[in-house]
């Protein structure tokens, strides 16, 4: 089955759909380094680096599916949450593409804060667009930790289908959640390996000393960053930001503190917590690598969504045939 991937980023959503047997007709993103990552890992994919507002999707009409997560900085509680951020309105471009492609199904992903009251107009607009284009839909906030991801990460997922009833994936049966140690502890003794996106930051001596004293799950008040508890799922891996010792907001990639070492996670360790395979290499400087990781949909969650959507598409013709036979 062919699909159109919008806001593809570092490829987390696409890897999940690949595992479910889908093939991208096109992967679109406006970040040239993210596009480089996609091309590096999947030379056969059709990767288009462009602004979605200038993207003509009519050549991909007939693809079974459109998927994507419009940028969330304007909605996220981790950022300024600016209601006037122009990125808040890119979901309208998403639905313009849907109208041009006319797929059987759509998947839209965003931060859970999109469902909050102050963002309600956007969610209402998304629901209205689904109805106007003839989709039955289901939406809800899913926690990636319930789908085999060693990270607590809540995201709003919308699944729409033209035929039949839409549904979201069901969490895995009750079992011990995967934790941080399961995912990354074997990397603690590994030397820096740039080709593996595994390069530790060199922190100042006073920072190392302070972080050495942190207990699992304890936060350094000077940096507002916590040490991970290795026996629990990770906190949400974010694309950037963080705070310095003066409370100033930092740029760049600032993941949590390692559960056993006095340093922040490497890009590879963060990618493990996002369930990217070790074979997936992130291009660009470390900050941009981290941004690709932090913005991604965890691969295991993406695969669960893809499996569900594939079932909805495959079953739809059978459902229509049964109805026609009954009439």
C-alpha atoms as a PDB file:
ATOM      1  CA  UNK A   1       0.000   0.000   0.000  1.00  0.00           C
ATOM      2  CA  UNK A   2       1.278   3.464  -0.915  1.00  0.00           C
ATOM      3  CA  UNK A   3       1.029   6.465   1.355  1.00  0.00           C
ATOM      4  CA  UNK A   4       1.952  10.148   1.417  1.00  0.00           C
ATOM      5  CA  UNK A   5       4.125  11.148   4.370  1.00  0.00           C
ATOM      6  CA  UNK A   6       3.965  14.801   5.447  1.00  0.00           C
ATOM      7  CA  UNK A   7       6.291  16.476   7.975  1.00  0.00           C
ATOM      8  CA  UNK A   8       8.375  13.281   7.813  1.00  0.00           C
ATOM      9  CA  UNK A   9      11.250  14.558   9.978  1.00  0.00           C
ATOM     10  CA  UNK A  10      13.677  11.880  11.126  1.00  0.00           C
ATOM     11  CA  UNK A  11      11.440   9.048   9.957  1.00  0.00           C
ATOM     12  CA  UNK A  12       9.882   7.519  13.088  1.00  0.00           C
ATOM     13  CA  UNK A  13       6.353   7.401  11.685  1.00  0.00           C
ATOM     14  CA  UNK A  14       7.623   6.119   8.340  1.00  0.00           C
ATOM     15  CA  UNK A  15       9.601   3.274   9.907  1.00  0.00           C
ATOM     16  CA  UNK A  16       6.467   2.128  11.709  1.00  0.00           C
ATOM     17  CA  UNK A  17       4.430   2.148   8.509  1.00  0.00           C
ATOM     18  CA  UNK A  18       7.225   0.400   6.635  1.00  0.00           C
ATOM     19  CA  UNK A  19       7.057  -2.422   9.189  1.00  0.00           C
ATOM     20  CA  UNK A  20       3.330  -2.772   8.502  1.00  0.00           C
ATOM     21  CA  UNK A  21       3.958  -3.223   4.773  1.00  0.00           C
ATOM     22  CA  UNK A  22       3.319   0.327   3.538  1.00  0.00           C
ATOM     23  CA  UNK A  23       5.561   2.066   1.008  1.00  0.00           C
ATOM     24  CA  UNK A  24       5.890   5.865   0.837  1.00  0.00           C
ATOM     25  CA  UNK A  25       4.891   7.417  -2.464  1.00  0.00           C
ATOM     26  CA  UNK A  26       6.647  10.518  -1.141  1.00  0.00           C
ATOM     27  CA  UNK A  27       8.179  11.775   2.096  1.00  0.00           C
ATOM     28  CA  UNK A  28       7.904  15.557   2.472  1.00  0.00           C
ATOM     29  CA  UNK A  29       9.788  17.774   4.916  1.00  0.00           C
ATOM     30  CA  UNK A  30      11.206  21.290   4.787  1.00  0.00           C
ATOM     31  CA  UNK A  31      14.303  20.481   6.899  1.00  0.00           C
ATOM     32  CA  UNK A  32      17.204  19.642   4.536  1.00  0.00           C
ATOM     33  CA  UNK A  33      19.091  17.701   7.231  1.00  0.00           C
ATOM     34  CA  UNK A  34      16.068  15.547   8.077  1.00  0.00           C
ATOM     35  CA  UNK A  35      15.679  14.888   4.344  1.00  0.00           C
ATOM     36  CA  UNK A  36      19.353  13.905   4.255  1.00  0.00           C
ATOM     37  CA  UNK A  37      18.691  11.402   7.054  1.00  0.00           C
ATOM     38  CA  UNK A  38      15.806   9.838   5.135  1.00  0.00           C
ATOM     39  CA  UNK A  39      17.811   9.570   1.919  1.00  0.00           C
ATOM     40  CA  UNK A  40      20.855   8.184   3.736  1.00  0.00           C
ATOM     41  CA  UNK A  41      18.891   5.367   5.349  1.00  0.00           C
ATOM     42  CA  UNK A  42      16.424   4.669   2.533  1.00  0.00           C
ATOM     43  CA  UNK A  43      18.016   5.622  -0.809  1.00  0.00           C
ATOM     44  CA  UNK A  44      15.028   4.203  -2.655  1.00  0.00           C
ATOM     45  CA  UNK A  45      12.476   6.479  -1.027  1.00  0.00           C
ATOM     46  CA  UNK A  46      11.143   9.509  -2.878  1.00  0.00           C
ATOM     47  CA  UNK A  47      12.133  12.325  -0.496  1.00  0.00           C
ATOM     48  CA  UNK A  48      11.018  15.866  -1.358  1.00  0.00           C
ATOM     49  CA  UNK A  49      12.530  18.729   0.635  1.00  0.00           C
ATOM     50  CA  UNK A  50      10.028  21.579   0.356  1.00  0.00           C
ATOM     51  CA  UNK A  51       7.547  23.759   2.202  1.00  0.00           C
ATOM     52  CA  UNK A  52       4.178  22.012   2.339  1.00  0.00           C
ATOM     53  CA  UNK A  53       2.529  25.273   1.323  1.00  0.00           C
ATOM     54  CA  UNK A  54       4.259  24.935  -2.050  1.00  0.00           C
ATOM     55  CA  UNK A  55       3.729  21.186  -2.438  1.00  0.00           C
ATOM     56  CA  UNK A  56       1.565  19.882  -5.282  1.00  0.00           C
ATOM     57  CA  UNK A  57       0.193  16.515  -4.186  1.00  0.00           C
ATOM     58  CA  UNK A  58      -2.019  15.825  -7.201  1.00  0.00           C
ATOM     59  CA  UNK A  59       0.622  13.555  -8.752  1.00  0.00           C
ATOM     60  CA  UNK A  60       0.178  11.230  -5.768  1.00  0.00           C
ATOM     61  CA  UNK A  61      -3.597  10.969  -6.131  1.00  0.00           C
ATOM     62  CA  UNK A  62      -4.751   7.438  -5.471  1.00  0.00           C
ATOM     63  CA  UNK A  63      -2.370   6.659  -2.626  1.00  0.00           C
ATOM     64  CA  UNK A  64      -4.243   4.717   0.028  1.00  0.00           C
ATOM     65  CA  UNK A  65      -3.159   6.835   2.968  1.00  0.00           C
ATOM     66  CA  UNK A  66      -1.890  10.242   4.098  1.00  0.00           C
ATOM     67  CA  UNK A  67       0.029  10.460   7.395  1.00  0.00           C
ATOM     68  CA  UNK A  68       1.796  13.236   9.236  1.00  0.00           C
ATOM     69  CA  UNK A  69       2.306  15.285  12.364  1.00  0.00           C
ATOM     70  CA  UNK A  70       2.137  19.044  11.739  1.00  0.00           C
ATOM     71  CA  UNK A  71       4.659  21.032  13.818  1.00  0.00           C
ATOM     72  CA  UNK A  72       3.591  21.264  17.447  1.00  0.00           C
ATOM     73  CA  UNK A  73       5.652  24.126  18.892  1.00  0.00           C
ATOM     74  CA  UNK A  74       2.652  26.439  19.017  1.00  0.00           C
ATOM     75  CA  UNK A  75       0.572  23.856  20.859  1.00  0.00           C
ATOM     76  CA  UNK A  76       3.139  22.205  23.119  1.00  0.00           C
ATOM     77  CA  UNK A  77       3.154  22.903  26.849  1.00  0.00           C
ATOM     78  CA  UNK A  78       6.956  22.576  26.684  1.00  0.00           C
ATOM     79  CA  UNK A  79       7.253  25.700  24.554  1.00  0.00           C
ATOM     80  CA  UNK A  80       5.774  29.183  24.677  1.00  0.00           C
ATOM     81  CA  UNK A  81       2.450  27.948  23.365  1.00  0.00           C
ATOM     82  CA  UNK A  82       2.003  31.019  21.167  1.00  0.00           C
ATOM     83  CA  UNK A  83      -1.552  30.937  19.781  1.00  0.00           C
ATOM     84  CA  UNK A  84      -0.434  33.119  16.860  1.00  0.00           C
ATOM     85  CA  UNK A  85       2.475  30.874  15.834  1.00  0.00           C
ATOM     86  CA  UNK A  86       2.010  30.429  12.054  1.00  0.00           C
ATOM     87  CA  UNK A  87       2.944  26.746  12.406  1.00  0.00           C
ATOM     88  CA  UNK A  88      -0.323  26.250  14.291  1.00  0.00           C
ATOM     89  CA  UNK A  89      -2.190  26.450  11.002  1.00  0.00           C
ATOM     90  CA  UNK A  90      -0.191  23.948   8.937  1.00  0.00           C
ATOM     91  CA  UNK A  91      -2.847  21.313   9.657  1.00  0.00           C
ATOM     92  CA  UNK A  92      -4.912  23.178   7.038  1.00  0.00           C
ATOM     93  CA  UNK A  93      -2.201  22.423   4.478  1.00  0.00           C
ATOM     94  CA  UNK A  94      -2.296  18.791   5.603  1.00  0.00           C
ATOM     95  CA  UNK A  95      -5.983  18.641   4.687  1.00  0.00           C
ATOM     96  CA  UNK A  96      -5.381  20.447   1.400  1.00  0.00           C
ATOM     97  CA  UNK A  97      -3.029  17.589   0.511  1.00  0.00           C
ATOM     98  CA  UNK A  98      -5.623  15.050   1.681  1.00  0.00           C
ATOM     99  CA  UNK A  99      -8.157  16.670  -0.637  1.00  0.00           C
ATOM    100  CA  UNK A 100      -5.727  16.401  -3.562  1.00  0.00           C
ATOM    101  CA  UNK A 101      -4.745  12.776  -2.862  1.00  0.00           C
ATOM    102  CA  UNK A 102      -8.214  11.458  -1.928  1.00  0.00           C
ATOM    103  CA  UNK A 103      -6.872   8.564   0.188  1.00  0.00           C
ATOM    104  CA  UNK A 104      -8.899   5.824   1.850  1.00  0.00           C
ATOM    105  CA  UNK A 105      -7.525   6.742   5.273  1.00  0.00           C
ATOM    106  CA  UNK A 106      -5.588   9.427   7.144  1.00  0.00           C
ATOM    107  CA  UNK A 107      -3.442   9.517  10.264  1.00  0.00           C
ATOM    108  CA  UNK A 108      -2.636  12.746  12.071  1.00  0.00           C
ATOM    109  CA  UNK A 109      -0.329  12.987  15.111  1.00  0.00           C
ATOM    110  CA  UNK A 110       0.300  15.860  17.490  1.00  0.00           C
ATOM    111  CA  UNK A 111       1.094  16.681  21.099  1.00  0.00           C
ATOM    112  CA  UNK A 112      -1.616  15.889  23.627  1.00  0.00           C
ATOM    113  CA  UNK A 113      -1.891  19.621  24.410  1.00  0.00           C
ATOM    114  CA  UNK A 114      -3.723  20.077  21.103  1.00  0.00           C
ATOM    115  CA  UNK A 115      -6.754  18.699  22.959  1.00  0.00           C
ATOM    116  CA  UNK A 116      -6.495  21.382  25.679  1.00  0.00           C
ATOM    117  CA  UNK A 117      -9.106  24.100  25.901  1.00  0.00           C
ATOM    118  CA  UNK A 118      -6.853  26.921  24.683  1.00  0.00           C
ATOM    119  CA  UNK A 119      -6.125  24.937  21.487  1.00  0.00           C
ATOM    120  CA  UNK A 120      -9.714  23.835  21.030  1.00  0.00           C
ATOM    121  CA  UNK A 121     -10.373  25.886  17.913  1.00  0.00           C
ATOM    122  CA  UNK A 122      -7.665  23.972  16.057  1.00  0.00           C
ATOM    123  CA  UNK A 123      -8.936  20.569  17.156  1.00  0.00           C
ATOM    124  CA  UNK A 124     -12.465  21.574  16.204  1.00  0.00           C
ATOM    125  CA  UNK A 125     -11.182  22.663  12.823  1.00  0.00           C
ATOM    126  CA  UNK A 126      -9.430  19.331  12.299  1.00  0.00           C
ATOM    127  CA  UNK A 127     -12.601  17.430  13.176  1.00  0.00           C
ATOM    128  CA  UNK A 128     -14.663  19.612  10.837  1.00  0.00           C
ATOM    129  CA  UNK A 129     -12.161  19.040   8.008  1.00  0.00           C
ATOM    130  CA  UNK A 130     -12.403  15.277   8.509  1.00  0.00           C
ATOM    131  CA  UNK A 131     -16.189  15.385   8.340  1.00  0.00           C
ATOM    132  CA  UNK A 132     -16.237  17.671   5.288  1.00  0.00           C
ATOM    133  CA  UNK A 133     -13.934  15.295   3.398  1.00  0.00           C
ATOM    134  CA  UNK A 134     -16.052  12.258   4.218  1.00  0.00           C
ATOM    135  CA  UNK A 135     -14.005  10.547   6.931  1.00  0.00           C
ATOM    136  CA  UNK A 136     -15.283   8.641   9.901  1.00  0.00           C
ATOM    137  CA  UNK A 137     -12.682   9.213  12.596  1.00  0.00           C
ATOM    138  CA  UNK A 138     -11.495   8.253  16.019  1.00  0.00           C
ATOM    139  CA  UNK A 139      -9.146  10.328  18.138  1.00  0.00           C
ATOM    140  CA  UNK A 140      -7.547  10.017  21.525  1.00  0.00           C
ATOM    141  CA  UNK A 141      -4.395  10.522  23.546  1.00  0.00           C
ATOM    142  CA  UNK A 142      -2.131   7.451  23.534  1.00  0.00           C
ATOM    143  CA  UNK A 143       0.834   6.844  25.819  1.00  0.00           C
ATOM    144  CA  UNK A 144       3.721   5.240  23.944  1.00  0.00           C
ATOM    145  CA  UNK A 145       4.745   3.356  27.102  1.00  0.00           C
ATOM    146  CA  UNK A 146       1.665   1.160  26.657  1.00  0.00           C
ATOM    147  CA  UNK A 147       2.865   0.077  23.201  1.00  0.00           C
ATOM    148  CA  UNK A 148       6.298  -1.311  24.043  1.00  0.00           C
ATOM    149  CA  UNK A 149       8.162   2.025  24.119  1.00  0.00           C
ATOM    150  CA  UNK A 150      10.503   2.565  27.119  1.00  0.00           C
ATOM    151  CA  UNK A 151       9.277   6.141  27.454  1.00  0.00           C
ATOM    152  CA  UNK A 152       6.205   7.886  28.810  1.00  0.00           C
ATOM    153  CA  UNK A 153       5.113   9.947  25.826  1.00  0.00           C
ATOM    154  CA  UNK A 154       1.514  11.097  25.388  1.00  0.00           C
ATOM    155  CA  UNK A 155       0.392  12.045  21.907  1.00  0.00           C
ATOM    156  CA  UNK A 156      -2.925  12.890  20.276  1.00  0.00           C
ATOM    157  CA  UNK A 157      -3.599  10.405  17.475  1.00  0.00           C
ATOM    158  CA  UNK A 158      -6.352  10.849  14.882  1.00  0.00           C
ATOM    159  CA  UNK A 159      -7.321   7.998  12.525  1.00  0.00           C
ATOM    160  CA  UNK A 160      -9.868   8.623   9.777  1.00  0.00           C
ATOM    161  CA  UNK A 161     -11.342   6.204   7.220  1.00  0.00           C
ATOM    162  CA  UNK A 162     -13.838   6.719   4.420  1.00  0.00           C
ATOM    163  CA  UNK A 163     -15.443   3.282   4.787  1.00  0.00           C
ATOM    164  CA  UNK A 164     -16.308   1.486   8.007  1.00  0.00           C
ATOM    165  CA  UNK A 165     -15.629   2.574  11.574  1.00  0.00           C
ATOM    166  CA  UNK A 166     -12.327   4.132  12.521  1.00  0.00           C
ATOM    167  CA  UNK A 167     -10.475   2.982  15.617  1.00  0.00           C
ATOM    168  CA  UNK A 168      -7.238   3.542  17.462  1.00  0.00           C
ATOM    169  CA  UNK A 169      -4.716   0.815  18.282  1.00  0.00           C
ATOM    170  CA  UNK A 170      -5.264  -1.051  21.530  1.00  0.00           C
ATOM    171  CA  UNK A 171      -2.480  -0.991  24.134  1.00  0.00           C
ATOM    172  CA  UNK A 172      -0.557  -4.202  24.584  1.00  0.00           C
ATOM    173  CA  UNK A 173      -1.878  -6.620  27.236  1.00  0.00           C
ATOM    174  CA  UNK A 174      -0.922  -5.743  30.808  1.00  0.00           C
ATOM    175  CA  UNK A 175       2.722  -6.583  31.367  1.00  0.00           C
ATOM    176  CA  UNK A 176       5.838  -5.015  32.801  1.00  0.00           C
ATOM    177  CA  UNK A 177       6.502  -1.789  30.950  1.00  0.00           C
ATOM    178  CA  UNK A 178       9.854  -1.546  29.216  1.00  0.00           C
ATOM    179  CA  UNK A 179      12.209   0.634  31.208  1.00  0.00           C
ATOM    180  CA  UNK A 180      15.275   2.772  30.592  1.00  0.00           C
ATOM    181  CA  UNK A 181      17.739   0.085  31.645  1.00  0.00           C
ATOM    182  CA  UNK A 182      16.172  -2.356  29.175  1.00  0.00           C
ATOM    183  CA  UNK A 183      16.819   0.087  26.367  1.00  0.00           C
ATOM    184  CA  UNK A 184      20.174   1.764  26.978  1.00  0.00           C
ATOM    185  CA  UNK A 185      22.199   0.326  29.845  1.00  0.00           C
ATOM    186  CA  UNK A 186      24.390  -1.766  27.527  1.00  0.00           C
ATOM    187  CA  UNK A 187      25.636   1.469  25.923  1.00  0.00           C
ATOM    188  CA  UNK A 188      27.038   2.883  29.184  1.00  0.00           C
ATOM    189  CA  UNK A 189      30.486   1.357  28.641  1.00  0.00           C
ATOM    190  CA  UNK A 190      30.601   1.950  24.889  1.00  0.00           C
ATOM    191  CA  UNK A 191      33.200   4.504  23.720  1.00  0.00           C
ATOM    192  CA  UNK A 192      32.158   7.538  21.722  1.00  0.00           C
ATOM    193  CA  UNK A 193      31.172   6.385  18.225  1.00  0.00           C
ATOM    194  CA  UNK A 194      30.134   9.205  15.859  1.00  0.00           C
ATOM    195  CA  UNK A 195      29.052   6.736  13.174  1.00  0.00           C
ATOM    196  CA  UNK A 196      26.576   5.362  15.712  1.00  0.00           C
ATOM    197  CA  UNK A 197      25.347   8.800  16.909  1.00  0.00           C
ATOM    198  CA  UNK A 198      26.841   7.914  20.288  1.00  0.00           C
ATOM    199  CA  UNK A 199      28.961  10.847  21.497  1.00  0.00           C
ATOM    200  CA  UNK A 200      28.732  11.978  25.110  1.00  0.00           C
ATOM    201  CA  UNK A 201      28.762  15.656  26.027  1.00  0.00           C
ATOM    202  CA  UNK A 202      31.692  16.962  28.056  1.00  0.00           C
ATOM    203  CA  UNK A 203      30.151  18.696  31.063  1.00  0.00           C
ATOM    204  CA  UNK A 204      31.924  21.096  33.412  1.00  0.00           C
ATOM    205  CA  UNK A 205      33.473  19.532  36.518  1.00  0.00           C
ATOM    206  CA  UNK A 206      31.013  21.213  38.878  1.00  0.00           C
ATOM    207  CA  UNK A 207      28.086  19.899  36.809  1.00  0.00           C
ATOM    208  CA  UNK A 208      29.507  16.359  36.832  1.00  0.00           C
ATOM    209  CA  UNK A 209      29.976  16.571  40.610  1.00  0.00           C
ATOM    210  CA  UNK A 210      26.418  17.738  41.197  1.00  0.00           C
ATOM    211  CA  UNK A 211      24.869  15.203  38.823  1.00  0.00           C
ATOM    212  CA  UNK A 212      26.868  12.398  40.464  1.00  0.00           C
ATOM    213  CA  UNK A 213      24.910  13.053  43.657  1.00  0.00           C
ATOM    214  CA  UNK A 214      21.455  12.867  42.077  1.00  0.00           C
ATOM    215  CA  UNK A 215      19.228   9.938  43.001  1.00  0.00           C
ATOM    216  CA  UNK A 216      17.197   8.143  40.304  1.00  0.00           C
ATOM    217  CA  UNK A 217      14.277  10.330  39.341  1.00  0.00           C
ATOM    218  CA  UNK A 218      15.699  13.375  41.151  1.00  0.00           C
ATOM    219  CA  UNK A 219      15.854  16.735  39.354  1.00  0.00           C
ATOM    220  CA  UNK A 220      18.763  19.157  39.416  1.00  0.00           C
ATOM    221  CA  UNK A 221      17.021  22.438  40.371  1.00  0.00           C
ATOM    222  CA  UNK A 222      19.757  24.510  38.735  1.00  0.00           C
ATOM    223  CA  UNK A 223      19.121  22.983  35.316  1.00  0.00           C
ATOM    224  CA  UNK A 224      15.561  21.694  35.796  1.00  0.00           C
ATOM    225  CA  UNK A 225      16.726  18.409  34.360  1.00  0.00           C
ATOM    226  CA  UNK A 226      16.289  15.046  36.037  1.00  0.00           C
ATOM    227  CA  UNK A 227      18.244  11.825  36.312  1.00  0.00           C
ATOM    228  CA  UNK A 228      16.318   8.988  34.725  1.00  0.00           C
ATOM    229  CA  UNK A 229      15.153   6.119  36.906  1.00  0.00           C
ATOM    230  CA  UNK A 230      16.500   3.068  35.120  1.00  0.00           C
ATOM    231  CA  UNK A 231      13.691   0.882  36.417  1.00  0.00           C
ATOM    232  CA  UNK A 232      10.937   3.003  34.907  1.00  0.00           C
ATOM    233  CA  UNK A 233      10.047   4.254  31.434  1.00  0.00           C
ATOM    234  CA  UNK A 234      11.846   7.461  30.508  1.00  0.00           C
ATOM    235  CA  UNK A 235      10.280  10.875  30.720  1.00  0.00           C
ATOM    236  CA  UNK A 236       9.375  12.350  27.334  1.00  0.00           C
ATOM    237  CA  UNK A 237      12.367  12.903  25.057  1.00  0.00           C
ATOM    238  CA  UNK A 238      12.068  16.430  23.688  1.00  0.00           C
ATOM    239  CA  UNK A 239      13.542  17.976  20.570  1.00  0.00           C
ATOM    240  CA  UNK A 240      15.385  20.774  22.311  1.00  0.00           C
ATOM    241  CA  UNK A 241      15.313  23.408  24.971  1.00  0.00           C
ATOM    242  CA  UNK A 242      16.087  23.049  28.639  1.00  0.00           C
ATOM    243  CA  UNK A 243      17.300  25.524  31.238  1.00  0.00           C
ATOM    244  CA  UNK A 244      20.661  26.831  32.345  1.00  0.00           C
ATOM    245  CA  UNK A 245      21.789  27.544  35.921  1.00  0.00           C
ATOM    246  CA  UNK A 246      20.354  31.073  35.798  1.00  0.00           C
ATOM    247  CA  UNK A 247      16.941  29.835  34.692  1.00  0.00           C
ATOM    248  CA  UNK A 248      17.630  30.934  31.140  1.00  0.00           C
ATOM    249  CA  UNK A 249      16.057  28.909  28.359  1.00  0.00           C
ATOM    250  CA  UNK A 250      18.706  27.021  26.393  1.00  0.00           C
ATOM    251  CA  UNK A 251      18.803  26.168  22.718  1.00  0.00           C
ATOM    252  CA  UNK A 252      20.015  22.874  21.367  1.00  0.00           C
ATOM    253  CA  UNK A 253      19.406  19.292  22.418  1.00  0.00           C
ATOM    254  CA  UNK A 254      19.295  18.753  26.184  1.00  0.00           C
ATOM    255  CA  UNK A 255      17.958  15.278  26.976  1.00  0.00           C
ATOM    256  CA  UNK A 256      17.613  13.857  30.502  1.00  0.00           C
ATOM    257  CA  UNK A 257      20.536  12.731  32.662  1.00  0.00           C
ATOM    258  CA  UNK A 258      21.737   9.143  32.274  1.00  0.00           C
ATOM    259  CA  UNK A 259      20.505   6.756  35.011  1.00  0.00           C
ATOM    260  CA  UNK A 260      24.012   5.708  36.104  1.00  0.00           C
ATOM    261  CA  UNK A 261      26.438   8.259  34.604  1.00  0.00           C
ATOM    262  CA  UNK A 262      26.781  12.001  35.384  1.00  0.00           C
ATOM    263  CA  UNK A 263      26.005  13.165  31.867  1.00  0.00           C
ATOM    264  CA  UNK A 264      23.045  13.711  29.632  1.00  0.00           C
ATOM    265  CA  UNK A 265      21.989  11.022  27.172  1.00  0.00           C
ATOM    266  CA  UNK A 266      23.687  10.656  23.825  1.00  0.00           C
ATOM    267  CA  UNK A 267      21.663  10.916  20.636  1.00  0.00           C
ATOM    268  CA  UNK A 268      21.783   7.114  20.240  1.00  0.00           C
ATOM    269  CA  UNK A 269      20.527   6.537  23.768  1.00  0.00           C
ATOM    270  CA  UNK A 270      17.662   8.960  23.126  1.00  0.00           C
ATOM    271  CA  UNK A 271      16.954   7.172  19.827  1.00  0.00           C
ATOM    272  CA  UNK A 272      16.805   3.853  21.679  1.00  0.00           C
ATOM    273  CA  UNK A 273      14.161   5.363  23.977  1.00  0.00           C
ATOM    274  CA  UNK A 274      12.254   6.329  20.824  1.00  0.00           C
ATOM    275  CA  UNK A 275      12.642   2.691  19.604  1.00  0.00           C
ATOM    276  CA  UNK A 276      14.611   3.608  16.491  1.00  0.00           C
ATOM    277  CA  UNK A 277      16.682   0.656  15.252  1.00  0.00           C
ATOM    278  CA  UNK A 278      20.419   0.963  15.789  1.00  0.00           C
ATOM    279  CA  UNK A 279      20.911   0.804  12.028  1.00  0.00           C
ATOM    280  CA  UNK A 280      19.113   4.153  11.575  1.00  0.00           C
ATOM    281  CA  UNK A 281      21.731   6.923  11.329  1.00  0.00           C
ATOM    282  CA  UNK A 282      20.860  10.576  11.999  1.00  0.00           C
ATOM    283  CA  UNK A 283      22.655  13.129   9.833  1.00  0.00           C
ATOM    284  CA  UNK A 284      23.833  16.590  10.790  1.00  0.00           C
ATOM    285  CA  UNK A 285      25.404  18.141  13.904  1.00  0.00           C
ATOM    286  CA  UNK A 286      24.508  16.642  17.272  1.00  0.00           C
ATOM    287  CA  UNK A 287      21.887  19.306  18.045  1.00  0.00           C
ATOM    288  CA  UNK A 288      20.068  18.635  14.777  1.00  0.00           C
ATOM    289  CA  UNK A 289      20.362  14.871  15.268  1.00  0.00           C
ATOM    290  CA  UNK A 290      18.722  15.290  18.660  1.00  0.00           C
ATOM    291  CA  UNK A 291      15.977  17.455  17.214  1.00  0.00           C
ATOM    292  CA  UNK A 292      15.111  14.728  14.713  1.00  0.00           C
ATOM    293  CA  UNK A 293      14.943  12.169  17.514  1.00  0.00           C
ATOM    294  CA  UNK A 294      12.911  14.329  19.874  1.00  0.00           C
ATOM    295  CA  UNK A 295      10.357  15.351  17.236  1.00  0.00           C
ATOM    296  CA  UNK A 296       9.748  11.788  16.049  1.00  0.00           C
ATOM    297  CA  UNK A 297       6.886   9.410  16.709  1.00  0.00           C
ATOM    298  CA  UNK A 298       8.315   6.359  18.536  1.00  0.00           C
ATOM    299  CA  UNK A 299       8.687   3.596  15.979  1.00  0.00           C
ATOM    300  CA  UNK A 300       6.853   0.984  18.073  1.00  0.00           C
ATOM    301  CA  UNK A 301       3.861   3.295  18.523  1.00  0.00           C
ATOM    302  CA  UNK A 302       3.909   4.133  14.811  1.00  0.00           C
ATOM    303  CA  UNK A 303       3.918   0.415  13.964  1.00  0.00           C
ATOM    304  CA  UNK A 304       0.894  -0.195  16.202  1.00  0.00           C
ATOM    305  CA  UNK A 305      -0.978   2.638  14.480  1.00  0.00           C
ATOM    306  CA  UNK A 306       0.048   1.340  11.049  1.00  0.00           C
ATOM    307  CA  UNK A 307      -1.106  -2.213  11.804  1.00  0.00           C
ATOM    308  CA  UNK A 308      -4.505  -0.904  12.892  1.00  0.00           C
ATOM    309  CA  UNK A 309      -4.896   1.334   9.842  1.00  0.00           C
ATOM    310  CA  UNK A 310      -3.852  -1.441   7.488  1.00  0.00           C
ATOM    311  CA  UNK A 311      -6.585  -3.630   8.951  1.00  0.00           C
ATOM    312  CA  UNK A 312      -9.155  -0.870   8.476  1.00  0.00           C
ATOM    313  CA  UNK A 313      -8.191  -0.400   4.813  1.00  0.00           C
ATOM    314  CA  UNK A 314      -8.001  -4.113   4.016  1.00  0.00           C
ATOM    315  CA  UNK A 315     -11.293  -4.917   5.746  1.00  0.00           C
ATOM    316  CA  UNK A 316     -13.244  -2.039   4.194  1.00  0.00           C
ATOM    317  CA  UNK A 317     -13.943  -3.718   0.796  1.00  0.00           C
ATOM    318  CA  UNK A 318     -15.040  -6.902   2.586  1.00  0.00           C
ATOM    319  CA  UNK A 319     -17.383  -4.916   4.773  1.00  0.00           C
ATOM    320  CA  UNK A 320     -18.973  -3.242   1.725  1.00  0.00           C
ATOM    321  CA  UNK A 321     -19.347  -6.584  -0.029  1.00  0.00           C
ATOM    322  CA  UNK A 322     -21.123  -8.084   2.967  1.00  0.00           C
ATOM    323  CA  UNK A 323     -23.497  -5.128   3.100  1.00  0.00           C
ATOM    324  CA  UNK A 324     -24.263  -5.359  -0.622  1.00  0.00           C
ATOM    325  CA  UNK A 325     -24.931  -9.091  -0.356  1.00  0.00           C
ATOM    326  CA  UNK A 326     -27.298  -8.583   2.551  1.00  0.00           C
ATOM    327  CA  UNK A 327     -29.295  -5.999   0.596  1.00  0.00           C
END
